[in-house]
């Protein structure tokens, strides 16, 4: 008898991994001992214990590393090593020098020099395009992980005390880091002297390689992976991460002046659309997977003037039937309505039966084309156009590219 797992295991985000590594490194520096495990405060206020892979002192500080665990919903960063190096800097002036902090959080006046200089180390990307929640030139560490770093390292400093058993003296170097960096001020309510500043460098040894398998290059994040997370946890099979990616891509497109957008269901359909729209900028192409209605509604809300849908026949059949989300686990392929339409159009009974019983969308399309039933293919594309126009509330024109599986264009339909 096969036992079915009733509950899938959650994991933790790269933001949690980076925070745990930084907290462990700072604790090693302050307490003089390596930790096998640290408890990270998550945005919800609860603490999550994270195992530490390694922790060591250096001449100028300490570093620690964590193995990121995606739980039962692994992504490209699952089992990636995330490191953090921490140095204690002695600020020599009453304000943060411009060289140290080219981009200072707007909420922090230059009066306070106490805070964290966050640096993108090896394998961590830097932002080069507008439209993301992080400014151009900064490390690709999202706002919530930054907040987690601030809260957790503040707790460590308060726990061990600024006059505790330091394992290394303050570094007196005031030279700015050579890598992308940003200054994050400690909360004004925290009673730290202005001289306290930490330099925290986050790195991922395989980050550059891993980033090639992400959407970072498309988003204008170069040099490695991003440090992400909104809750600190990774929930199995959650759709939120992909929705956030779609929103980020649409935001980048809008910020880069794209007035029209291409929504494709995957890499192949995007590649074929690029062949049709060779002069369109890279930022205009967004992969939406199965989030048909969500992506269209997001595009409408961002004020794009035109939307192009690039799809294959299988997804098109589901979209034509009004399914807002098209994943096979939720929406199995149903060729019955199309077969019924064929029957009403006067096609032979045997053909309609074969169409209804087709095992895959590819088999159904081959059957349609072999029997010169292009009118039925057009019906599917037309229904997709109508469904998409309804989702965007007829506020913006929609165009549909329907491709055969070999990349040949079956239909190019455009609404008003």
Protein backbone atom coordinates (compact mmCIF):
# COMPACT_ATOMS: atom_id res chain seq x y z
CA UNK A 1 0.00 0.00 0.00
CA UNK A 2 1.36 3.40 -1.03
CA UNK A 3 1.21 6.08 1.61
CA UNK A 4 0.25 9.52 0.36
CA UNK A 5 1.94 12.49 1.96
CA UNK A 6 -0.77 14.73 3.30
CA UNK A 7 1.42 17.74 3.87
CA UNK A 8 4.36 18.97 1.82
CA UNK A 9 7.46 20.35 3.48
CA UNK A 10 8.05 24.09 3.44
CA UNK A 11 11.47 25.54 2.76
CA UNK A 12 13.05 28.94 3.27
CA UNK A 13 13.91 31.74 0.87
CA UNK A 14 17.29 33.05 -0.25
CA UNK A 15 16.50 36.08 1.92
CA UNK A 16 16.25 33.86 4.99
CA UNK A 17 19.44 32.01 4.00
CA UNK A 18 21.38 35.28 3.61
CA UNK A 19 20.04 36.60 6.91
CA UNK A 20 20.96 33.41 8.76
CA UNK A 21 24.48 33.47 7.33
CA UNK A 22 24.94 37.13 8.25
CA UNK A 23 23.57 36.60 11.75
CA UNK A 24 25.88 33.61 12.29
CA UNK A 25 28.91 35.56 11.03
CA UNK A 26 28.19 38.52 13.29
CA UNK A 27 27.62 36.25 16.27
CA UNK A 28 30.95 34.51 15.61
CA UNK A 29 32.64 37.89 15.47
CA UNK A 30 31.02 39.16 18.67
CA UNK A 31 30.97 35.96 20.75
CA UNK A 32 34.13 34.36 19.42
CA UNK A 33 32.45 30.99 18.80
CA UNK A 34 30.92 29.42 15.73
CA UNK A 35 27.22 28.52 15.82
CA UNK A 36 25.81 25.32 14.39
CA UNK A 37 22.34 26.85 14.16
CA UNK A 38 20.82 30.33 14.41
CA UNK A 39 17.20 31.42 14.84
CA UNK A 40 16.16 33.93 12.19
CA UNK A 41 13.35 36.35 12.89
CA UNK A 42 10.94 36.18 9.93
CA UNK A 43 8.77 39.12 8.79
CA UNK A 44 5.84 37.57 10.66
CA UNK A 45 7.78 37.85 13.92
CA UNK A 46 8.30 34.12 14.43
CA UNK A 47 11.77 32.58 14.62
CA UNK A 48 12.97 29.88 12.25
CA UNK A 49 16.04 27.77 13.16
CA UNK A 50 18.54 27.53 10.29
CA UNK A 51 21.53 25.19 10.21
CA UNK A 52 24.89 26.80 9.53
CA UNK A 53 27.15 24.99 7.07
CA UNK A 54 30.36 26.78 8.03
CA UNK A 55 31.54 29.77 10.07
CA UNK A 56 35.06 31.21 10.36
CA UNK A 57 36.91 34.27 11.55
CA UNK A 58 39.05 36.29 9.16
CA UNK A 59 41.65 39.01 9.62
CA UNK A 60 38.99 41.71 9.35
CA UNK A 61 35.76 40.02 10.38
CA UNK A 62 33.91 36.73 9.99
CA UNK A 63 31.94 34.79 7.42
CA UNK A 64 29.33 32.05 7.54
CA UNK A 65 27.36 30.06 4.98
CA UNK A 66 23.96 28.38 4.71
CA UNK A 67 22.59 25.82 2.26
CA UNK A 68 19.30 27.13 0.90
CA UNK A 69 16.44 24.64 1.24
CA UNK A 70 13.42 25.02 -1.04
CA UNK A 71 11.45 22.30 0.73
CA UNK A 72 9.14 20.31 -1.53
CA UNK A 73 8.94 23.15 -4.04
CA UNK A 74 12.57 23.35 -5.16
CA UNK A 75 13.71 26.05 -7.57
CA UNK A 76 17.03 26.82 -9.21
CA UNK A 77 18.52 28.00 -5.90
CA UNK A 78 17.60 24.81 -4.02
CA UNK A 79 20.73 23.53 -2.23
CA UNK A 80 22.72 26.61 -3.31
CA UNK A 81 25.29 27.91 -0.84
CA UNK A 82 24.61 31.45 0.38
CA UNK A 83 27.44 33.20 2.24
CA UNK A 84 27.71 36.36 4.28
CA UNK A 85 30.88 38.16 5.34
CA UNK A 86 30.62 40.72 8.13
CA UNK A 87 33.05 43.47 9.09
CA UNK A 88 32.70 46.07 11.84
CA UNK A 89 33.67 49.48 10.50
CA UNK A 90 34.52 52.55 12.52
CA UNK A 91 32.83 55.52 10.94
CA UNK A 92 35.26 58.46 11.19
CA UNK A 93 32.79 61.22 10.44
CA UNK A 94 29.42 62.32 11.71
CA UNK A 95 27.72 61.43 8.45
CA UNK A 96 27.92 58.71 5.84
CA UNK A 97 30.51 59.68 3.23
CA UNK A 98 29.05 59.81 -0.32
CA UNK A 99 31.73 57.36 -1.42
CA UNK A 100 30.46 54.79 1.08
CA UNK A 101 26.82 55.26 0.17
CA UNK A 102 26.03 56.52 -3.34
CA UNK A 103 22.41 55.54 -2.72
CA UNK A 104 21.10 56.24 0.77
CA UNK A 105 17.65 55.19 1.88
CA UNK A 106 15.44 58.28 1.54
CA UNK A 107 14.03 57.71 5.00
CA UNK A 108 17.46 58.16 6.51
CA UNK A 109 18.91 61.65 6.71
CA UNK A 110 22.67 61.82 6.34
CA UNK A 111 22.96 62.72 10.02
CA UNK A 112 23.17 59.09 11.16
CA UNK A 113 26.18 57.11 10.12
CA UNK A 114 25.29 53.96 12.00
CA UNK A 115 23.90 51.21 9.82
CA UNK A 116 24.77 48.48 7.36
CA UNK A 117 26.70 48.82 4.14
CA UNK A 118 25.20 45.98 2.10
CA UNK A 119 27.51 44.71 -0.64
CA UNK A 120 26.86 42.37 -3.57
CA UNK A 121 29.57 39.73 -3.47
CA UNK A 122 30.39 36.96 -5.90
CA UNK A 123 27.33 35.53 -7.61
CA UNK A 124 24.87 38.20 -6.43
CA UNK A 125 23.34 40.30 -9.17
CA UNK A 126 23.12 44.06 -9.53
CA UNK A 127 20.13 45.97 -10.91
CA UNK A 128 20.63 47.72 -14.26
CA UNK A 129 17.05 48.48 -15.37
CA UNK A 130 14.23 50.49 -13.79
CA UNK A 131 10.93 48.99 -12.69
CA UNK A 132 12.17 46.72 -9.90
CA UNK A 133 11.75 47.34 -6.15
CA UNK A 134 15.51 47.98 -5.95
CA UNK A 135 17.21 50.98 -7.51
CA UNK A 136 19.60 50.83 -10.44
CA UNK A 137 23.16 50.16 -9.30
CA UNK A 138 22.15 48.48 -6.05
CA UNK A 139 22.64 44.83 -5.09
CA UNK A 140 19.72 42.62 -6.15
CA UNK A 141 18.60 42.13 -2.57
CA UNK A 142 14.89 42.82 -2.31
CA UNK A 143 13.30 45.07 0.34
CA UNK A 144 12.05 42.33 2.68
CA UNK A 145 15.43 40.52 2.89
CA UNK A 146 17.04 43.91 3.57
CA UNK A 147 14.59 44.46 6.41
CA UNK A 148 15.30 40.97 7.74
CA UNK A 149 19.04 41.64 7.71
CA UNK A 150 18.54 44.90 9.56
CA UNK A 151 16.27 43.43 12.24
CA UNK A 152 18.31 40.29 12.84
CA UNK A 153 21.71 41.99 12.96
CA UNK A 154 20.33 44.69 15.21
CA UNK A 155 19.18 41.96 17.61
CA UNK A 156 22.65 40.39 17.57
CA UNK A 157 24.32 43.70 18.38
CA UNK A 158 21.91 44.34 21.23
CA UNK A 159 22.28 40.81 22.55
CA UNK A 160 26.08 40.73 22.69
CA UNK A 161 26.71 44.39 23.34
CA UNK A 162 29.03 46.75 21.53
CA UNK A 163 31.67 46.27 24.21
CA UNK A 164 31.46 42.49 24.22
CA UNK A 165 34.30 40.02 23.61
CA UNK A 166 35.28 41.21 20.14
CA UNK A 167 37.24 38.65 18.15
CA UNK A 168 38.58 41.29 15.82
CA UNK A 169 39.03 45.04 16.16
CA UNK A 170 37.04 47.55 14.19
CA UNK A 171 38.42 48.04 10.73
CA UNK A 172 39.55 51.63 10.28
CA UNK A 173 39.31 51.46 6.51
CA UNK A 174 36.87 54.00 5.15
CA UNK A 175 37.33 53.00 1.52
CA UNK A 176 34.06 52.25 -0.30
CA UNK A 177 33.51 48.69 -1.52
CA UNK A 178 34.32 48.09 -5.16
CA UNK A 179 31.17 46.04 -5.76
CA UNK A 180 27.58 47.34 -5.97
CA UNK A 181 26.49 48.41 -2.49
CA UNK A 182 23.89 50.41 -0.59
CA UNK A 183 23.72 51.94 2.89
CA UNK A 184 20.89 50.79 5.17
CA UNK A 185 20.56 52.94 8.32
CA UNK A 186 19.73 51.44 11.67
CA UNK A 187 16.34 52.44 13.03
CA UNK A 188 16.42 55.88 14.72
CA UNK A 189 14.83 54.22 17.75
CA UNK A 190 17.85 51.95 18.20
CA UNK A 191 20.29 53.44 20.67
CA UNK A 192 23.50 52.82 18.76
CA UNK A 193 26.33 55.35 18.66
CA UNK A 194 26.93 56.93 15.28
CA UNK A 195 30.27 55.14 14.99
CA UNK A 196 28.72 51.68 14.60
CA UNK A 197 28.58 50.45 11.02
CA UNK A 198 28.62 46.93 9.64
CA UNK A 199 29.74 45.93 6.18
CA UNK A 200 27.76 42.85 5.11
CA UNK A 201 28.73 41.18 1.85
CA UNK A 202 26.34 38.54 0.53
CA UNK A 203 27.66 36.04 -2.01
CA UNK A 204 26.68 32.82 -3.76
CA UNK A 205 29.60 30.80 -5.14
CA UNK A 206 27.49 29.34 -7.98
CA UNK A 207 25.29 32.40 -8.38
CA UNK A 208 26.47 33.43 -11.83
CA UNK A 209 25.84 29.95 -13.20
CA UNK A 210 22.44 29.63 -11.49
CA UNK A 211 21.30 33.05 -12.73
CA UNK A 212 21.43 31.80 -16.32
CA UNK A 213 18.46 29.58 -15.48
CA UNK A 214 16.41 32.46 -14.07
CA UNK A 215 14.70 35.51 -15.55
CA UNK A 216 17.36 37.83 -14.11
CA UNK A 217 19.04 38.66 -17.44
CA UNK A 218 15.66 39.63 -18.87
CA UNK A 219 14.91 41.80 -15.85
CA UNK A 220 18.23 43.58 -16.14
CA UNK A 221 19.84 41.92 -13.12
CA UNK A 222 23.40 41.05 -14.08
CA UNK A 223 26.17 39.21 -12.30
CA UNK A 224 24.22 36.58 -10.42
CA UNK A 225 21.09 35.60 -8.55
CA UNK A 226 18.70 37.78 -6.56
CA UNK A 227 18.10 37.55 -2.82
CA UNK A 228 14.33 37.25 -2.57
CA UNK A 229 11.46 36.49 -0.24
CA UNK A 230 8.36 38.16 1.17
CA UNK A 231 7.59 35.87 4.09
CA UNK A 232 10.97 34.19 4.53
CA UNK A 233 9.40 30.81 3.77
CA UNK A 234 8.89 28.88 0.53
CA UNK A 235 5.48 27.24 0.42
CA UNK A 236 5.22 24.13 -1.78
CA UNK A 237 3.60 24.70 -5.14
CA UNK A 238 2.63 28.24 -4.28
CA UNK A 239 1.76 30.41 -7.27
CA UNK A 240 2.78 33.61 -5.56
CA UNK A 241 6.41 33.50 -6.68
CA UNK A 242 5.50 33.21 -10.37
CA UNK A 243 2.86 35.92 -10.08
CA UNK A 244 5.44 38.21 -8.50
CA UNK A 245 7.80 37.45 -11.39
CA UNK A 246 5.12 38.39 -13.93
CA UNK A 247 4.45 41.61 -12.05
CA UNK A 248 8.17 42.41 -11.95
CA UNK A 249 8.59 41.82 -15.69
CA UNK A 250 5.58 43.98 -16.50
CA UNK A 251 6.93 46.71 -14.25
CA UNK A 252 10.31 46.57 -15.98
CA UNK A 253 8.62 46.74 -19.38
CA UNK A 254 6.57 49.79 -18.37
CA UNK A 255 9.57 51.52 -16.80
CA UNK A 256 11.57 51.00 -19.99
CA UNK A 257 8.95 52.73 -22.12
CA UNK A 258 7.20 49.71 -23.62
CA UNK A 259 3.68 50.65 -24.67
CA UNK A 260 2.82 47.19 -25.94
CA UNK A 261 3.53 43.83 -24.35
CA UNK A 262 3.85 40.23 -25.57
CA UNK A 263 2.51 37.58 -23.19
CA UNK A 264 3.72 34.09 -24.08
CA UNK A 265 2.98 30.82 -22.35
CA UNK A 266 6.61 29.65 -22.44
CA UNK A 267 10.05 29.92 -23.98
CA UNK A 268 9.19 28.42 -27.36
CA UNK A 269 6.09 30.52 -27.95
CA UNK A 270 8.09 33.57 -26.92
CA UNK A 271 10.86 32.69 -29.37
CA UNK A 272 8.36 32.35 -32.21
CA UNK A 273 6.77 35.68 -31.28
CA UNK A 274 10.18 37.34 -31.31
CA UNK A 275 10.56 36.11 -34.88
CA UNK A 276 7.32 37.90 -35.75
CA UNK A 277 8.18 41.10 -33.87
CA UNK A 278 11.91 41.46 -34.49
CA UNK A 279 12.01 45.19 -33.76
CA UNK A 280 10.34 44.94 -30.36
CA UNK A 281 12.56 45.48 -27.30
CA UNK A 282 13.53 42.56 -25.09
CA UNK A 283 11.65 44.01 -22.12
CA UNK A 284 8.34 43.75 -24.01
CA UNK A 285 8.34 39.93 -23.89
CA UNK A 286 6.91 38.34 -20.74
CA UNK A 287 6.41 34.63 -20.07
CA UNK A 288 3.17 34.01 -18.17
CA UNK A 289 3.03 30.18 -18.02
CA UNK A 290 -0.55 29.28 -17.03
CA UNK A 291 -1.52 32.65 -15.53
CA UNK A 292 -3.66 33.75 -18.49
CA UNK A 293 -6.18 36.04 -16.77
CA UNK A 294 -3.81 37.26 -14.06
CA UNK A 295 -1.22 38.49 -16.59
CA UNK A 296 -3.82 40.18 -18.79
CA UNK A 297 -5.38 41.97 -15.86
CA UNK A 298 -1.97 43.11 -14.60
CA UNK A 299 -1.14 44.42 -18.10
CA UNK A 300 -4.42 46.36 -18.17
CA UNK A 301 -3.79 47.89 -14.76
CA UNK A 302 -0.34 49.08 -15.84
CA UNK A 303 -1.79 50.97 -18.79
CA UNK A 304 -0.21 49.14 -21.72
CA UNK A 305 -1.70 50.23 -25.02
CA UNK A 306 -1.68 46.79 -26.66
CA UNK A 307 -1.31 43.14 -25.69
CA UNK A 308 -0.10 40.31 -27.91
CA UNK A 309 -0.80 36.72 -26.84
CA UNK A 310 1.57 34.07 -28.21
CA UNK A 311 0.20 30.56 -27.68
CA UNK A 312 0.14 26.98 -28.92
CA UNK A 313 -3.04 25.11 -29.71
CA UNK A 314 -3.37 23.24 -26.39
CA UNK A 315 -3.31 26.35 -24.22
CA UNK A 316 -5.48 28.14 -26.75
CA UNK A 317 -8.24 25.52 -26.40
CA UNK A 318 -8.34 26.08 -22.64
CA UNK A 319 -8.23 29.87 -22.98
CA UNK A 320 -11.02 29.73 -25.57
CA UNK A 321 -13.19 27.86 -23.08
CA UNK A 322 -12.80 30.67 -20.54
CA UNK A 323 -10.32 29.06 -18.15
CA UNK A 324 -8.45 31.80 -16.34
CA UNK A 325 -5.67 29.42 -15.25
CA UNK A 326 -4.57 26.70 -17.67
CA UNK A 327 -2.30 24.24 -15.84
CA UNK A 328 -3.01 20.60 -16.70
CA UNK A 329 -3.32 19.64 -13.02
CA UNK A 330 -6.21 22.06 -12.62
CA UNK A 331 -7.68 22.15 -16.12
CA UNK A 332 -7.42 18.93 -18.16
CA UNK A 333 -7.70 19.23 -21.91
CA UNK A 334 -11.34 18.94 -22.99
CA UNK A 335 -11.87 18.63 -26.74
CA UNK A 336 -15.59 17.86 -26.38
CA UNK A 337 -16.80 21.43 -26.96
CA UNK A 338 -14.65 21.74 -30.09
CA UNK A 339 -15.96 18.41 -31.38
CA UNK A 340 -19.51 19.60 -30.73
CA UNK A 341 -18.80 22.77 -32.66
CA UNK A 342 -17.49 20.62 -35.53
CA UNK A 343 -20.69 18.56 -35.46
CA UNK A 344 -22.83 21.69 -35.63
CA UNK A 345 -20.72 22.93 -38.53
CA UNK A 346 -21.57 19.78 -40.49
CA UNK A 347 -18.38 17.75 -40.18
CA UNK A 348 -18.72 13.95 -40.47
CA UNK A 349 -19.63 12.05 -37.32
CA UNK A 350 -16.47 9.94 -37.43
CA UNK A 351 -14.29 13.04 -37.62
CA UNK A 352 -16.10 14.61 -34.66
CA UNK A 353 -15.71 11.40 -32.66
CA UNK A 354 -11.98 11.22 -33.42
CA UNK A 355 -11.57 14.87 -32.50
CA UNK A 356 -13.31 14.44 -29.16
CA UNK A 357 -11.22 11.37 -28.40
CA UNK A 358 -7.84 12.82 -29.37
CA UNK A 359 -5.25 12.02 -26.71
CA UNK A 360 -3.36 15.33 -26.92
CA UNK A 361 -3.79 18.81 -28.31
CA UNK A 362 -1.09 18.06 -30.86
CA UNK A 363 -3.03 15.02 -32.09
CA UNK A 364 -6.21 17.11 -32.31
CA UNK A 365 -4.45 19.84 -34.29
CA UNK A 366 -2.93 17.30 -36.69
CA UNK A 367 -6.41 15.89 -37.22
CA UNK A 368 -7.87 19.32 -37.91
CA UNK A 369 -5.17 20.26 -40.40
CA UNK A 370 -5.25 16.87 -42.14
CA UNK A 371 -8.99 17.32 -42.69
CA UNK A 372 -8.64 20.94 -43.79
CA UNK A 373 -10.70 22.11 -40.83
CA UNK A 374 -8.95 25.48 -40.64
CA UNK A 375 -12.28 27.11 -39.82
CA UNK A 376 -12.32 25.22 -36.51
CA UNK A 377 -8.77 26.36 -35.74
CA UNK A 378 -9.89 29.91 -36.46
CA UNK A 379 -12.83 29.47 -34.11
CA UNK A 380 -10.47 28.56 -31.28
CA UNK A 381 -8.25 31.58 -31.95
CA UNK A 382 -11.27 33.87 -32.22
CA UNK A 383 -12.60 32.63 -28.90
CA UNK A 384 -9.21 33.24 -27.30
CA UNK A 385 -9.31 36.80 -28.62
CA UNK A 386 -12.81 37.33 -27.21
CA UNK A 387 -11.92 35.88 -23.81
CA UNK A 388 -8.78 38.01 -23.58
CA UNK A 389 -10.66 41.15 -24.63
CA UNK A 390 -13.24 40.44 -21.95
CA UNK A 391 -10.53 40.06 -19.28
CA UNK A 392 -8.98 43.43 -20.19
CA UNK A 393 -12.51 44.88 -20.22
CA UNK A 394 -12.08 45.91 -23.86
CA UNK A 395 -9.83 48.70 -22.58
CA UNK A 396 -6.90 47.79 -24.82
CA UNK A 397 -6.66 45.95 -28.16
CA UNK A 398 -5.53 42.33 -28.10
CA UNK A 399 -3.70 40.41 -30.82
CA UNK A 400 -3.35 36.62 -30.89
CA UNK A 401 -0.53 34.61 -32.45
CA UNK A 402 -1.55 30.95 -32.69
CA UNK A 403 1.42 28.73 -33.53
CA UNK A 404 1.74 25.18 -34.74
CA UNK A 405 4.13 23.06 -32.70
CA UNK A 406 6.85 23.39 -35.36
CA UNK A 407 6.73 27.17 -35.06
CA UNK A 408 4.71 27.93 -38.16
CA UNK A 409 2.06 30.61 -37.67
CA UNK A 410 -1.45 29.23 -37.91
CA UNK A 411 -3.32 32.47 -37.31
CA UNK A 412 -2.71 36.12 -36.51
CA UNK A 413 -5.91 37.71 -35.26
CA UNK A 414 -6.32 41.22 -33.93
CA UNK A 415 -9.21 42.75 -32.05
CA UNK A 416 -10.30 46.34 -31.93
